[in-house]
N, C-alpha and C. Protein backbone atom coordinates (compact mmCIF):
# COMPACT_ATOMS: atom_id res chain seq x y z
N UNK A 1 89.82 -48.59 311.12
CA UNK A 1 89.42 -47.80 309.99
C UNK A 1 88.42 -48.43 309.16
N UNK A 2 87.27 -47.93 308.44
CA UNK A 2 86.62 -48.66 307.06
C UNK A 2 86.43 -47.84 305.96
N UNK A 3 86.59 -48.42 304.91
CA UNK A 3 86.66 -47.83 303.80
C UNK A 3 85.06 -47.44 303.54
N UNK A 4 85.03 -46.22 302.94
CA UNK A 4 83.47 -45.87 303.02
C UNK A 4 83.17 -45.50 301.54
N UNK A 5 84.15 -45.08 300.79
CA UNK A 5 83.81 -44.53 299.36
C UNK A 5 85.07 -44.96 298.39
N UNK A 6 84.50 -45.01 296.86
CA UNK A 6 85.94 -45.29 296.21
C UNK A 6 85.54 -44.51 295.15
N UNK A 7 86.34 -43.21 294.79
CA UNK A 7 86.14 -42.10 293.99
C UNK A 7 86.27 -42.51 292.54
N UNK A 8 86.03 -41.56 291.65
CA UNK A 8 86.19 -41.92 290.39
C UNK A 8 87.60 -40.74 289.91
N UNK A 9 87.97 -40.26 290.99
CA UNK A 9 89.21 -39.37 290.76
C UNK A 9 89.54 -38.97 292.12
N UNK A 10 90.82 -38.22 292.16
CA UNK A 10 91.17 -37.63 293.25
C UNK A 10 90.82 -36.42 293.93
N UNK A 11 90.07 -35.68 292.95
CA UNK A 11 89.21 -34.37 293.43
C UNK A 11 87.90 -34.75 293.77
N UNK A 12 87.36 -35.94 293.57
CA UNK A 12 85.92 -36.44 294.01
C UNK A 12 86.35 -36.69 295.44
N UNK A 13 87.51 -37.71 295.32
CA UNK A 13 87.74 -38.54 296.76
C UNK A 13 87.83 -37.13 297.91
N UNK A 14 88.71 -36.06 297.48
CA UNK A 14 89.10 -34.97 298.55
C UNK A 14 87.82 -34.21 298.84
N UNK A 15 86.68 -34.01 297.91
CA UNK A 15 85.40 -33.44 298.17
C UNK A 15 85.05 -34.17 299.05
N UNK A 16 84.64 -35.56 298.68
CA UNK A 16 83.69 -36.05 299.89
C UNK A 16 84.57 -36.28 301.20
N UNK A 17 85.84 -36.12 301.29
CA UNK A 17 86.83 -36.65 302.09
C UNK A 17 86.24 -35.14 303.32
N UNK A 18 86.24 -34.05 302.59
CA UNK A 18 86.17 -32.65 303.06
C UNK A 18 84.87 -32.39 303.36
N UNK A 19 83.40 -32.81 302.79
CA UNK A 19 82.53 -33.17 303.42
C UNK A 19 82.10 -33.70 304.53
N UNK A 20 82.80 -35.12 304.96
CA UNK A 20 82.64 -35.90 306.25
C UNK A 20 83.71 -35.05 306.94
N UNK A 21 84.83 -34.10 307.07
CA UNK A 21 85.32 -33.99 307.97
C UNK A 21 84.66 -32.67 308.64
N UNK A 22 83.88 -31.93 307.48
CA UNK A 22 83.07 -30.44 308.10
C UNK A 22 81.90 -31.19 308.80
N UNK A 23 81.66 -32.40 308.60
CA UNK A 23 80.54 -32.82 309.41
C UNK A 23 80.97 -33.46 311.03
N UNK A 24 82.11 -33.50 311.07
CA UNK A 24 83.07 -33.77 312.10
C UNK A 24 83.26 -35.25 312.15
N UNK A 25 83.31 -35.94 310.88
CA UNK A 25 84.04 -37.17 310.92
C UNK A 25 85.41 -37.27 310.24
N UNK A 26 85.88 -38.02 311.32
CA UNK A 26 87.55 -38.01 310.80
C UNK A 26 87.79 -38.91 309.85
N UNK A 27 88.25 -38.54 308.18
CA UNK A 27 88.33 -39.32 307.37
C UNK A 27 89.71 -39.12 306.55
N UNK A 28 90.37 -40.33 305.56
CA UNK A 28 91.46 -39.92 305.20
C UNK A 28 91.13 -40.31 303.95
N UNK A 29 92.16 -40.07 302.65
CA UNK A 29 92.33 -40.12 301.34
C UNK A 29 93.07 -41.11 301.40
N UNK A 30 93.20 -42.52 300.81
CA UNK A 30 93.98 -43.23 300.77
C UNK A 30 94.06 -43.50 299.03
N UNK A 31 95.40 -44.27 298.82
CA UNK A 31 95.65 -44.47 297.35
C UNK A 31 95.79 -43.11 296.40
N UNK A 32 96.08 -42.33 296.94
CA UNK A 32 96.28 -40.93 296.35
C UNK A 32 97.13 -40.89 294.79
N UNK A 33 98.14 -41.87 294.96
CA UNK A 33 99.02 -41.90 293.78
C UNK A 33 99.09 -43.14 293.18
N UNK A 34 97.97 -43.96 293.37
CA UNK A 34 98.16 -45.24 292.59
C UNK A 34 97.66 -45.37 291.15
N UNK A 35 97.16 -44.05 290.76
CA UNK A 35 96.64 -44.20 289.32
C UNK A 35 97.98 -44.36 288.38
N UNK A 36 98.95 -43.78 289.01
CA UNK A 36 100.25 -43.70 288.37
C UNK A 36 100.97 -45.25 288.02
N UNK A 37 100.52 -46.04 288.83
CA UNK A 37 100.72 -47.56 288.60
C UNK A 37 99.87 -48.05 287.69
N UNK A 38 98.94 -47.72 286.91
CA UNK A 38 98.14 -48.06 286.04
C UNK A 38 98.63 -48.71 284.86
N UNK A 39 98.29 -50.11 284.69
CA UNK A 39 99.09 -51.12 283.92
C UNK A 39 100.04 -51.93 284.40
N UNK A 40 100.24 -51.49 285.91
CA UNK A 40 101.08 -52.67 286.63
C UNK A 40 100.32 -53.14 287.57
N UNK A 41 99.27 -52.35 287.67
CA UNK A 41 98.13 -52.94 288.83
C UNK A 41 96.53 -52.92 288.30
N UNK A 42 95.82 -53.76 288.97
CA UNK A 42 94.44 -53.52 288.05
C UNK A 42 93.81 -52.21 288.09
N UNK A 43 93.08 -51.73 287.07
CA UNK A 43 92.53 -50.54 287.43
C UNK A 43 91.44 -50.35 288.50
N UNK A 44 91.05 -51.33 288.75
CA UNK A 44 90.07 -51.03 289.85
C UNK A 44 90.95 -50.75 291.32
N UNK A 45 92.01 -51.17 291.37
CA UNK A 45 93.01 -51.05 292.25
C UNK A 45 93.62 -49.71 292.36
N UNK A 46 93.30 -48.95 291.38
CA UNK A 46 93.96 -47.52 291.37
C UNK A 46 93.16 -46.55 291.96
N UNK A 47 91.70 -46.53 292.08
CA UNK A 47 90.92 -45.72 292.27
C UNK A 47 91.25 -44.97 293.77
N UNK A 48 91.12 -43.91 294.31
CA UNK A 48 91.39 -43.28 295.25
C UNK A 48 89.97 -43.61 296.06
N UNK A 49 90.48 -43.71 297.67
CA UNK A 49 89.45 -44.32 298.40
C UNK A 49 89.35 -43.20 299.54
N UNK A 50 88.11 -43.20 300.26
CA UNK A 50 87.84 -42.33 301.30
C UNK A 50 87.52 -43.26 302.50
N UNK A 51 88.50 -43.22 303.63
CA UNK A 51 88.13 -44.15 304.67
C UNK A 51 88.08 -43.36 305.92
N UNK A 52 86.86 -43.81 306.91
CA UNK A 52 86.52 -42.97 307.95
C UNK A 52 87.13 -43.95 309.09
N UNK A 53 87.57 -43.13 310.23
CA UNK A 53 88.52 -43.81 311.36
C UNK A 53 87.54 -44.76 312.43
N UNK A 54 86.05 -44.26 312.71
CA UNK A 54 85.37 -44.65 313.76
C UNK A 54 83.98 -45.27 312.92
N UNK A 55 83.89 -46.85 313.25
CA UNK A 55 82.62 -47.41 312.86
C UNK A 55 81.34 -46.65 313.43
N UNK A 56 81.58 -46.01 314.35
CA UNK A 56 80.30 -45.23 314.94
C UNK A 56 79.86 -44.12 314.14
N UNK A 57 80.59 -43.48 313.32
CA UNK A 57 80.40 -42.42 312.36
C UNK A 57 79.45 -43.22 311.03
N UNK A 58 79.48 -44.57 310.78
CA UNK A 58 79.53 -45.15 309.61
C UNK A 58 77.84 -44.54 309.02
N UNK A 59 76.96 -44.38 309.80
CA UNK A 59 75.43 -44.28 309.21
C UNK A 59 75.51 -43.06 308.67
N UNK A 60 76.15 -42.10 309.82
CA UNK A 60 76.16 -40.55 309.44
C UNK A 60 76.81 -40.22 308.00
N UNK A 61 78.11 -41.10 308.09
CA UNK A 61 79.10 -41.02 306.69
C UNK A 61 78.25 -41.17 305.44
N UNK A 62 77.42 -42.53 305.44
CA UNK A 62 76.65 -42.96 304.66
C UNK A 62 75.93 -41.89 303.93
N UNK A 63 75.06 -41.28 304.88
CA UNK A 63 73.87 -40.24 304.78
C UNK A 63 74.57 -39.05 303.93
N UNK A 64 75.58 -38.82 304.11
CA UNK A 64 76.19 -37.60 303.82
C UNK A 64 76.84 -38.08 302.24
N UNK A 65 77.35 -39.12 302.16
CA UNK A 65 77.71 -39.72 300.67
C UNK A 65 76.46 -40.03 299.87
N UNK A 66 75.48 -40.27 300.45
CA UNK A 66 73.87 -40.39 299.92
C UNK A 66 73.61 -39.10 299.09
N UNK A 67 73.60 -38.03 300.16
CA UNK A 67 73.26 -36.69 299.65
C UNK A 67 73.92 -36.03 298.38
N UNK A 68 75.60 -36.37 298.77
CA UNK A 68 76.42 -36.02 297.80
C UNK A 68 76.28 -36.68 296.10
N UNK A 69 75.61 -37.96 296.22
CA UNK A 69 75.68 -38.50 295.17
C UNK A 69 74.37 -38.47 294.60
N UNK A 70 73.50 -37.96 295.45
CA UNK A 70 72.09 -37.86 294.57
C UNK A 70 71.86 -36.49 293.46
N UNK A 71 71.16 -36.87 292.40
CA UNK A 71 71.02 -35.89 291.52
C UNK A 71 70.30 -34.88 292.08
N UNK A 72 70.61 -33.57 291.59
CA UNK A 72 70.54 -32.17 292.10
C UNK A 72 68.85 -31.79 291.58
N UNK A 73 68.02 -31.37 292.25
CA UNK A 73 66.57 -31.41 291.75
C UNK A 73 66.39 -29.78 291.03
N UNK A 74 66.13 -29.77 290.11
CA UNK A 74 65.66 -28.95 289.17
C UNK A 74 64.44 -27.99 289.79
N UNK A 75 64.80 -26.78 290.40
CA UNK A 75 64.13 -26.15 290.99
C UNK A 75 63.21 -25.18 290.66
N UNK A 76 63.22 -25.13 289.29
CA UNK A 76 62.44 -24.13 288.17
C UNK A 76 63.02 -22.76 288.24
N UNK A 77 62.57 -21.88 287.93
CA UNK A 77 63.09 -20.41 287.69
C UNK A 77 62.30 -19.52 288.78
N UNK A 78 62.77 -18.34 288.98
CA UNK A 78 62.03 -17.32 289.81
C UNK A 78 62.68 -16.05 289.15
N UNK A 79 61.56 -15.15 289.10
CA UNK A 79 61.84 -13.53 288.91
C UNK A 79 62.35 -12.80 289.74
N UNK A 80 63.14 -11.89 289.33
CA UNK A 80 63.93 -10.85 290.44
C UNK A 80 62.98 -9.75 290.81
N UNK A 81 62.83 -9.72 291.92
CA UNK A 81 61.74 -8.69 292.22
C UNK A 81 62.20 -7.30 291.75
N UNK A 82 63.49 -7.26 291.75
CA UNK A 82 64.18 -5.77 291.57
C UNK A 82 64.12 -5.26 289.46
N UNK A 83 64.16 -6.36 289.11
CA UNK A 83 64.81 -6.30 287.68
C UNK A 83 63.81 -7.26 286.78
N UNK A 84 63.17 -8.26 287.27
CA UNK A 84 62.51 -9.05 286.52
C UNK A 84 63.11 -10.21 285.62
N UNK A 85 64.46 -10.43 285.90
CA UNK A 85 65.04 -11.24 284.96
C UNK A 85 64.79 -12.58 285.75
N UNK A 86 64.78 -13.82 284.96
CA UNK A 86 64.61 -15.08 285.65
C UNK A 86 65.80 -15.63 285.90
N UNK A 87 66.13 -16.32 287.02
CA UNK A 87 67.16 -16.86 287.54
C UNK A 87 66.68 -18.54 287.83
N UNK A 88 67.86 -19.42 287.88
CA UNK A 88 67.42 -20.61 288.33
C UNK A 88 66.67 -20.61 289.79
N UNK A 89 65.95 -21.41 290.32
CA UNK A 89 65.19 -21.13 291.53
C UNK A 89 66.12 -21.74 292.53
N UNK A 90 67.05 -22.29 292.24
CA UNK A 90 67.99 -22.49 293.45
C UNK A 90 69.51 -21.32 293.65
N UNK A 91 69.20 -20.12 293.32
CA UNK A 91 69.98 -19.01 293.14
C UNK A 91 69.45 -18.17 294.22
N UNK A 92 70.46 -17.67 295.07
CA UNK A 92 70.05 -16.84 296.40
C UNK A 92 69.83 -15.16 296.00
N UNK A 93 70.80 -14.82 294.83
CA UNK A 93 70.77 -13.64 294.21
C UNK A 93 70.41 -13.41 292.56
N UNK A 94 70.19 -12.48 292.29
CA UNK A 94 69.49 -12.46 291.02
C UNK A 94 71.21 -12.55 290.20
N UNK A 95 71.48 -13.02 288.87
CA UNK A 95 72.64 -12.97 288.46
C UNK A 95 73.13 -11.80 287.72
N UNK A 96 71.83 -11.02 287.51
CA UNK A 96 71.74 -9.44 286.59
C UNK A 96 72.47 -8.55 287.31
N UNK A 97 71.23 -8.38 288.65
CA UNK A 97 71.46 -6.97 289.16
C UNK A 97 71.99 -7.56 290.99
N UNK A 98 71.96 -8.51 291.17
CA UNK A 98 72.54 -8.89 292.23
C UNK A 98 71.50 -8.92 293.48
N UNK A 99 70.52 -8.61 293.39
CA UNK A 99 69.41 -8.38 294.46
C UNK A 99 68.96 -9.79 295.18
N UNK A 100 68.31 -9.80 296.17
CA UNK A 100 68.24 -11.10 296.74
C UNK A 100 67.00 -11.39 296.41
N UNK A 101 66.75 -12.64 295.94
CA UNK A 101 65.55 -13.20 295.07
C UNK A 101 64.92 -13.71 296.47
């Protein structure tokens, strides 16, 4: 097993592990309960970690994590063809009337 990611919190660790599993990469979250030991163990050792099972998946896993960590791009806005309401460019449906943009 290879440690691939150290998360800021448990939900983030499970989100990354879920993305990896969705891509067919066997992964596990370790140190799920370590934050309960803060004060007795160094804080850097208490963060949850995501590990992958096979080294052959390392490059794909790093690409998935890189995409997860990259900031979202502001895609501007788009006007709904039905009602004319402005919606963020990454929306697929108008937030006001529900029409496909």
